[in-house]
Amino acid sequence: MAEQPTFEQNLNQLETIVNQLEQGDVPLEQALDQFQKGVALSKQLQNTLEGAEKTLTKMMDENGNEVPFEQAKPDDQND
């Protein structure tokens, strides 16, 4: 089975596609194909970023349960 490309590899591929399309010297059929690949890559990248954001905004509470970052109590809170 083929290895999944990394986030960085997908981003580089998307940047390459955008640069090719911006140059404007790509035949129409190829431009449409590249555009569709770019849209798919963009969706993949967005999903990866959303997943990372969800992971980074969670913390573990004192009972070992995941909680949203905003609800987590600081350990050193002095009221």
N, C-alpha and C. Protein backbone atom coordinates (compact mmCIF):
# COMPACT_ATOMS: atom_id res chain seq x y z
N MET A 1 0.85 -1.18 0.00
CA MET A 1 0.00 0.00 0.00
C MET A 1 0.89 1.24 0.00
N ALA A 2 0.50 2.24 -0.76
CA ALA A 2 1.29 3.47 -0.87
C ALA A 2 1.20 4.27 0.42
N GLU A 3 2.31 4.89 0.77
CA GLU A 3 2.36 5.72 1.97
C GLU A 3 1.65 7.05 1.73
N GLN A 4 0.86 7.49 2.71
CA GLN A 4 0.14 8.76 2.59
C GLN A 4 1.15 9.92 2.59
N PRO A 5 0.94 10.90 1.71
CA PRO A 5 1.83 12.07 1.73
C PRO A 5 1.62 12.87 3.03
N THR A 6 2.67 13.54 3.45
CA THR A 6 2.59 14.35 4.67
C THR A 6 1.86 15.65 4.37
N PHE A 7 1.52 16.36 5.43
CA PHE A 7 0.87 17.66 5.30
C PHE A 7 1.76 18.58 4.45
N GLU A 8 3.04 18.58 4.76
CA GLU A 8 3.98 19.45 4.05
C GLU A 8 4.08 19.09 2.57
N GLN A 9 4.07 17.80 2.25
CA GLN A 9 4.12 17.38 0.85
C GLN A 9 2.86 17.82 0.11
N ASN A 10 1.70 17.68 0.75
CA ASN A 10 0.46 18.13 0.12
C ASN A 10 0.46 19.64 -0.07
N LEU A 11 0.96 20.37 0.91
CA LEU A 11 1.02 21.82 0.80
C LEU A 11 1.95 22.24 -0.34
N ASN A 12 3.09 21.59 -0.45
CA ASN A 12 4.02 21.89 -1.55
C ASN A 12 3.39 21.59 -2.90
N GLN A 13 2.67 20.49 -2.99
CA GLN A 13 2.00 20.15 -4.24
C GLN A 13 0.95 21.19 -4.59
N LEU A 14 0.18 21.63 -3.59
CA LEU A 14 -0.83 22.66 -3.83
C LEU A 14 -0.17 23.96 -4.29
N GLU A 15 0.93 24.34 -3.67
CA GLU A 15 1.65 25.55 -4.08
C GLU A 15 2.14 25.44 -5.52
N THR A 16 2.62 24.26 -5.90
CA THR A 16 3.07 24.04 -7.28
C THR A 16 1.91 24.21 -8.26
N ILE A 17 0.77 23.62 -7.91
CA ILE A 17 -0.42 23.73 -8.77
C ILE A 17 -0.84 25.20 -8.91
N VAL A 18 -0.88 25.92 -7.81
CA VAL A 18 -1.27 27.33 -7.85
C VAL A 18 -0.31 28.12 -8.73
N ASN A 19 0.99 27.89 -8.57
CA ASN A 19 1.98 28.61 -9.39
C ASN A 19 1.79 28.32 -10.88
N GLN A 20 1.53 27.04 -11.21
CA GLN A 20 1.33 26.69 -12.62
C GLN A 20 0.09 27.38 -13.17
N LEU A 21 -0.98 27.40 -12.39
CA LEU A 21 -2.22 28.03 -12.86
C LEU A 21 -2.07 29.54 -12.97
N GLU A 22 -1.30 30.14 -12.06
CA GLU A 22 -1.10 31.59 -12.12
C GLU A 22 -0.31 32.00 -13.35
N GLN A 23 0.59 31.13 -13.83
CA GLN A 23 1.38 31.46 -15.01
C GLN A 23 0.52 31.54 -16.26
N GLY A 24 -0.58 30.79 -16.26
CA GLY A 24 -1.54 30.89 -17.36
C GLY A 24 -1.16 30.22 -18.66
N ASP A 25 -0.04 29.51 -18.71
CA ASP A 25 0.37 28.88 -19.96
C ASP A 25 0.10 27.37 -19.95
N VAL A 26 -0.90 26.96 -19.17
CA VAL A 26 -1.28 25.55 -19.08
C VAL A 26 -2.50 25.34 -19.98
N PRO A 27 -2.51 24.27 -20.79
CA PRO A 27 -3.70 24.00 -21.62
C PRO A 27 -4.94 23.86 -20.74
N LEU A 28 -6.09 24.22 -21.29
CA LEU A 28 -7.34 24.27 -20.53
C LEU A 28 -7.64 22.95 -19.82
N GLU A 29 -7.54 21.83 -20.53
CA GLU A 29 -7.85 20.53 -19.93
C GLU A 29 -6.94 20.24 -18.74
N GLN A 30 -5.66 20.54 -18.90
CA GLN A 30 -4.71 20.33 -17.82
C GLN A 30 -4.98 21.29 -16.67
N ALA A 31 -5.35 22.52 -16.98
CA ALA A 31 -5.66 23.51 -15.95
C ALA A 31 -6.87 23.06 -15.13
N LEU A 32 -7.89 22.54 -15.79
CA LEU A 32 -9.07 22.05 -15.08
C LEU A 32 -8.71 20.87 -14.17
N ASP A 33 -7.90 19.96 -14.68
CA ASP A 33 -7.46 18.81 -13.89
C ASP A 33 -6.65 19.28 -12.69
N GLN A 34 -5.74 20.21 -12.91
CA GLN A 34 -4.92 20.73 -11.82
C GLN A 34 -5.78 21.46 -10.79
N PHE A 35 -6.77 22.21 -11.28
CA PHE A 35 -7.67 22.92 -10.37
C PHE A 35 -8.41 21.94 -9.47
N GLN A 36 -8.93 20.86 -10.06
CA GLN A 36 -9.65 19.86 -9.27
C GLN A 36 -8.73 19.20 -8.24
N LYS A 37 -7.50 18.90 -8.63
CA LYS A 37 -6.53 18.33 -7.68
C LYS A 37 -6.25 19.33 -6.57
N GLY A 38 -6.14 20.59 -6.94
CA GLY A 38 -5.88 21.64 -5.95
C GLY A 38 -7.01 21.77 -4.94
N VAL A 39 -8.24 21.70 -5.42
CA VAL A 39 -9.40 21.77 -4.52
C VAL A 39 -9.39 20.59 -3.56
N ALA A 40 -9.11 19.40 -4.06
CA ALA A 40 -9.06 18.20 -3.22
C ALA A 40 -7.95 18.32 -2.18
N LEU A 41 -6.79 18.79 -2.61
CA LEU A 41 -5.67 18.98 -1.67
C LEU A 41 -6.02 20.01 -0.61
N SER A 42 -6.67 21.08 -1.03
CA SER A 42 -7.06 22.13 -0.10
C SER A 42 -7.99 21.58 0.98
N LYS A 43 -8.95 20.74 0.57
CA LYS A 43 -9.88 20.13 1.53
C LYS A 43 -9.14 19.21 2.49
N GLN A 44 -8.19 18.43 1.96
CA GLN A 44 -7.39 17.54 2.81
C GLN A 44 -6.60 18.35 3.84
N LEU A 45 -5.97 19.40 3.37
CA LEU A 45 -5.16 20.24 4.26
C LEU A 45 -6.03 20.88 5.33
N GLN A 46 -7.21 21.35 4.96
CA GLN A 46 -8.12 21.97 5.91
C GLN A 46 -8.56 20.96 6.96
N ASN A 47 -8.88 19.73 6.54
CA ASN A 47 -9.27 18.69 7.49
C ASN A 47 -8.14 18.36 8.46
N THR A 48 -6.92 18.30 7.94
CA THR A 48 -5.77 18.03 8.80
C THR A 48 -5.59 19.14 9.82
N LEU A 49 -5.72 20.39 9.38
CA LEU A 49 -5.58 21.52 10.30
C LEU A 49 -6.68 21.52 11.36
N GLU A 50 -7.90 21.22 10.95
CA GLU A 50 -9.01 21.17 11.91
C GLU A 50 -8.79 20.07 12.94
N GLY A 51 -8.31 18.92 12.49
CA GLY A 51 -8.01 17.83 13.42
C GLY A 51 -6.91 18.20 14.40
N ALA A 52 -5.89 18.87 13.90
CA ALA A 52 -4.80 19.31 14.77
C ALA A 52 -5.29 20.33 15.78
N GLU A 53 -6.14 21.24 15.33
CA GLU A 53 -6.68 22.26 16.23
C GLU A 53 -7.50 21.61 17.35
N LYS A 54 -8.33 20.63 16.99
CA LYS A 54 -9.13 19.94 18.01
C LYS A 54 -8.24 19.23 19.01
N THR A 55 -7.18 18.62 18.54
CA THR A 55 -6.25 17.93 19.43
C THR A 55 -5.55 18.91 20.35
N LEU A 56 -5.11 20.03 19.81
CA LEU A 56 -4.35 21.00 20.59
C LEU A 56 -5.21 21.78 21.56
N THR A 57 -6.51 21.81 21.36
CA THR A 57 -7.37 22.58 22.26
C THR A 57 -7.98 21.71 23.35
N LYS A 58 -7.48 20.50 23.50
CA LYS A 58 -7.94 19.63 24.58
C LYS A 58 -6.82 19.41 25.58
N MET A 59 -7.21 19.25 26.82
CA MET A 59 -6.26 18.95 27.87
C MET A 59 -6.83 17.79 28.68
N MET A 60 -6.01 17.24 29.52
CA MET A 60 -6.46 16.19 30.41
C MET A 60 -6.74 16.82 31.77
N ASP A 61 -7.90 16.48 32.36
CA ASP A 61 -8.18 16.97 33.70
C ASP A 61 -7.51 16.06 34.74
N GLU A 62 -7.74 16.37 36.02
CA GLU A 62 -7.08 15.60 37.07
C GLU A 62 -7.53 14.14 37.12
N ASN A 63 -8.64 13.82 36.49
CA ASN A 63 -9.13 12.44 36.45
C ASN A 63 -8.71 11.70 35.18
N GLY A 64 -7.92 12.35 34.34
CA GLY A 64 -7.46 11.72 33.10
C GLY A 64 -8.44 11.80 31.96
N ASN A 65 -9.45 12.66 32.09
CA ASN A 65 -10.43 12.84 31.03
C ASN A 65 -10.06 14.03 30.15
N GLU A 66 -10.34 13.90 28.86
CA GLU A 66 -10.10 15.02 27.96
C GLU A 66 -11.16 16.09 28.18
N VAL A 67 -10.70 17.33 28.27
CA VAL A 67 -11.62 18.47 28.41
C VAL A 67 -11.15 19.58 27.48
N PRO A 68 -12.08 20.41 27.00
CA PRO A 68 -11.65 21.56 26.20
C PRO A 68 -10.69 22.44 27.01
N PHE A 69 -9.74 23.03 26.33
CA PHE A 69 -8.70 23.83 26.97
C PHE A 69 -9.30 24.92 27.87
N GLU A 70 -10.38 25.55 27.41
CA GLU A 70 -10.97 26.66 28.16
C GLU A 70 -11.53 26.21 29.51
N GLN A 71 -11.90 24.92 29.63
CA GLN A 71 -12.50 24.43 30.87
C GLN A 71 -11.46 23.85 31.83
N ALA A 72 -10.24 23.70 31.39
CA ALA A 72 -9.21 23.12 32.24
C ALA A 72 -8.83 24.10 33.33
N LYS A 73 -8.64 23.59 34.54
CA LYS A 73 -8.27 24.43 35.69
C LYS A 73 -6.74 24.47 35.77
N PRO A 74 -6.17 25.67 35.91
CA PRO A 74 -4.73 25.75 36.11
C PRO A 74 -4.36 25.11 37.44
N ASP A 75 -3.21 24.44 37.48
CA ASP A 75 -2.74 23.80 38.70
C ASP A 75 -2.39 24.79 39.80
N ASP A 76 -1.88 25.94 39.42
CA ASP A 76 -1.38 26.91 40.38
C ASP A 76 -2.34 28.07 40.61
N GLN A 77 -3.61 27.86 40.49
CA GLN A 77 -4.57 28.96 40.62
C GLN A 77 -4.68 29.38 42.09
N ASN A 78 -4.34 30.62 42.37
CA ASN A 78 -4.42 31.17 43.71
C ASN A 78 -5.57 32.19 43.76
N ASP A 79 -6.67 31.81 44.40
CA ASP A 79 -7.82 32.72 44.47
C ASP A 79 -7.78 33.52 45.73
